[in-house]
Amino acid sequence: MTVTTLTSRELNQDIGRAKKAAKLGPVFITDRGRPAHVLLSIEEYQRLTGGHRSLLDALSMPGMEGIEFDPPKIELKLRIPDFDVD
């Protein structure tokens, strides 16, 4: 596995290079000399996270499965506005 480090500026100037490097291993992206982000291939990400996640899984809140949500019903009535000025 090859580890690559790029500055934010280098990433912005050559995203293709970063994507190619991510196929070989993680790409660390630095801001002001400090690691700030890591770019991974989707395969590596899935390996680390244990597989695919659906959008529903990504948005769910663990531990909240048993809570029911029943919002109150509201009744909307349409009114015709009165634009007459007295």
C-alpha atoms as a PDB file:
ATOM      1  CA  MET A   1       0.000   0.000   0.000  1.00  0.00           C
ATOM      2  CA  THR A   2       1.335   3.405  -0.993  1.00  0.00           C
ATOM      3  CA  VAL A   3       0.578   6.424   1.199  1.00  0.00           C
ATOM      4  CA  THR A   4       0.519   9.790  -0.555  1.00  0.00           C
ATOM      5  CA  THR A   5       0.447  13.248   1.006  1.00  0.00           C
ATOM      6  CA  LEU A   6      -0.795  16.276  -0.896  1.00  0.00           C
ATOM      7  CA  THR A   7      -1.361  19.848   0.160  1.00  0.00           C
ATOM      8  CA  SER A   8      -4.825  21.333  -0.379  1.00  0.00           C
ATOM      9  CA  ARG A   9      -3.346  23.444  -3.152  1.00  0.00           C
ATOM     10  CA  GLU A  10      -1.851  20.392  -4.892  1.00  0.00           C
ATOM     11  CA  LEU A  11      -5.209  18.631  -4.641  1.00  0.00           C
ATOM     12  CA  ASN A  12      -7.023  21.593  -6.193  1.00  0.00           C
ATOM     13  CA  GLN A  13      -4.481  21.830  -8.998  1.00  0.00           C
ATOM     14  CA  ASP A  14      -4.453  18.128  -9.919  1.00  0.00           C
ATOM     15  CA  ILE A  15      -7.437  16.139  -8.644  1.00  0.00           C
ATOM     16  CA  GLY A  16      -6.698  13.443 -11.231  1.00  0.00           C
ATOM     17  CA  ARG A  17      -3.346  12.749  -9.589  1.00  0.00           C
ATOM     18  CA  ALA A  18      -5.049  12.383  -6.211  1.00  0.00           C
ATOM     19  CA  LYS A  19      -7.638   9.970  -7.599  1.00  0.00           C
ATOM     20  CA  LYS A  20      -4.946   7.822  -9.213  1.00  0.00           C
ATOM     21  CA  ALA A  21      -2.935   7.809  -5.975  1.00  0.00           C
ATOM     22  CA  ALA A  22      -6.051   6.778  -3.985  1.00  0.00           C
ATOM     23  CA  LYS A  23      -6.227   3.567  -6.042  1.00  0.00           C
ATOM     24  CA  LEU A  24      -2.838   2.607  -4.559  1.00  0.00           C
ATOM     25  CA  GLY A  25      -3.506   3.675  -0.970  1.00  0.00           C
ATOM     26  CA  PRO A  26      -4.749   6.530   1.205  1.00  0.00           C
ATOM     27  CA  VAL A  27      -4.086  10.118   0.179  1.00  0.00           C
ATOM     28  CA  PHE A  28      -3.561  12.479   3.097  1.00  0.00           C
ATOM     29  CA  ILE A  29      -4.540  16.061   2.333  1.00  0.00           C
ATOM     30  CA  THR A  30      -2.935  18.728   4.463  1.00  0.00           C
ATOM     31  CA  ASP A  31      -4.004  22.238   5.406  1.00  0.00           C
ATOM     32  CA  ARG A  32      -1.164  24.452   6.560  1.00  0.00           C
ATOM     33  CA  GLY A  33       1.077  21.414   6.958  1.00  0.00           C
ATOM     34  CA  ARG A  34      -1.326  19.437   9.140  1.00  0.00           C
ATOM     35  CA  PRO A  35      -3.320  16.390   7.983  1.00  0.00           C
ATOM     36  CA  ALA A  36      -6.938  17.461   7.488  1.00  0.00           C
ATOM     37  CA  HIS A  37      -8.579  14.852   5.211  1.00  0.00           C
ATOM     38  CA  VAL A  38      -8.022  11.406   3.747  1.00  0.00           C
ATOM     39  CA  LEU A  39      -9.038  10.365   0.246  1.00  0.00           C
ATOM     40  CA  LEU A  40      -9.763   6.641  -0.223  1.00  0.00           C
ATOM     41  CA  SER A  41     -10.963   4.519  -3.104  1.00  0.00           C
ATOM     42  CA  ILE A  42     -14.542   3.362  -2.713  1.00  0.00           C
ATOM     43  CA  GLU A  43     -13.315  -0.225  -2.375  1.00  0.00           C
ATOM     44  CA  GLU A  44     -11.042   0.691   0.527  1.00  0.00           C
ATOM     45  CA  TYR A  45     -13.810   2.718   2.173  1.00  0.00           C
ATOM     46  CA  GLN A  46     -16.234  -0.221   1.912  1.00  0.00           C
ATOM     47  CA  ARG A  47     -13.598  -2.588   3.295  1.00  0.00           C
ATOM     48  CA  LEU A  48     -13.089  -0.319   6.303  1.00  0.00           C
ATOM     49  CA  THR A  49     -16.791   0.248   6.946  1.00  0.00           C
ATOM     50  CA  GLY A  50     -17.879  -3.330   6.447  1.00  0.00           C
ATOM     51  CA  GLY A  51     -19.679  -3.032   3.136  1.00  0.00           C
ATOM     52  CA  HIS A  52     -22.411  -1.067   1.475  1.00  0.00           C
ATOM     53  CA  ARG A  53     -24.739   1.285   3.316  1.00  0.00           C
ATOM     54  CA  SER A  54     -28.066   2.371   1.958  1.00  0.00           C
ATOM     55  CA  LEU A  55     -29.181   5.977   2.187  1.00  0.00           C
ATOM     56  CA  LEU A  56     -31.728   4.895   4.787  1.00  0.00           C
ATOM     57  CA  ASP A  57     -28.971   3.318   6.901  1.00  0.00           C
ATOM     58  CA  ALA A  58     -26.832   6.446   6.569  1.00  0.00           C
ATOM     59  CA  LEU A  59     -29.687   8.686   7.738  1.00  0.00           C
ATOM     60  CA  SER A  60     -31.013   6.443  10.505  1.00  0.00           C
ATOM     61  CA  MET A  61     -30.389   7.161  14.148  1.00  0.00           C
ATOM     62  CA  PRO A  62     -29.175   4.052  16.009  1.00  0.00           C
ATOM     63  CA  GLY A  63     -31.275   3.222  19.052  1.00  0.00           C
ATOM     64  CA  MET A  64     -34.336   5.086  17.805  1.00  0.00           C
ATOM     65  CA  GLU A  65     -36.023   2.119  16.083  1.00  0.00           C
ATOM     66  CA  GLY A  66     -38.763   1.716  18.721  1.00  0.00           C
ATOM     67  CA  ILE A  67     -39.858   5.345  18.777  1.00  0.00           C
ATOM     68  CA  GLU A  68     -43.065   6.137  16.945  1.00  0.00           C
ATOM     69  CA  PHE A  69     -43.654   9.536  15.426  1.00  0.00           C
ATOM     70  CA  ASP A  70     -47.254  10.636  15.085  1.00  0.00           C
ATOM     71  CA  PRO A  71     -47.331  14.367  14.375  1.00  0.00           C
ATOM     72  CA  PRO A  72     -50.528  16.253  15.226  1.00  0.00           C
ATOM     73  CA  LYS A  73     -52.986  16.791  12.399  1.00  0.00           C
ATOM     74  CA  ILE A  74     -53.623  20.360  11.364  1.00  0.00           C
ATOM     75  CA  GLU A  75     -56.483  21.743   9.356  1.00  0.00           C
ATOM     76  CA  LEU A  76     -55.693  24.390   6.801  1.00  0.00           C
ATOM     77  CA  LYS A  77     -58.409  26.720   5.580  1.00  0.00           C
ATOM     78  CA  LEU A  78     -57.981  28.868   2.527  1.00  0.00           C
ATOM     79  CA  ARG A  79     -58.996  32.505   2.746  1.00  0.00           C
ATOM     80  CA  ILE A  80     -59.393  34.915  -0.091  1.00  0.00           C
ATOM     81  CA  PRO A  81     -57.380  38.017   0.757  1.00  0.00           C
ATOM     82  CA  ASP A  82     -59.177  41.346   0.876  1.00  0.00           C
ATOM     83  CA  PHE A  83     -57.149  43.913  -1.053  1.00  0.00           C
ATOM     84  CA  ASP A  84     -59.732  46.667  -0.772  1.00  0.00           C
ATOM     85  CA  VAL A  85     -58.285  49.669   1.005  1.00  0.00           C
ATOM     86  CA  ASP A  86     -60.811  51.854   2.801  1.00  0.00           C
END
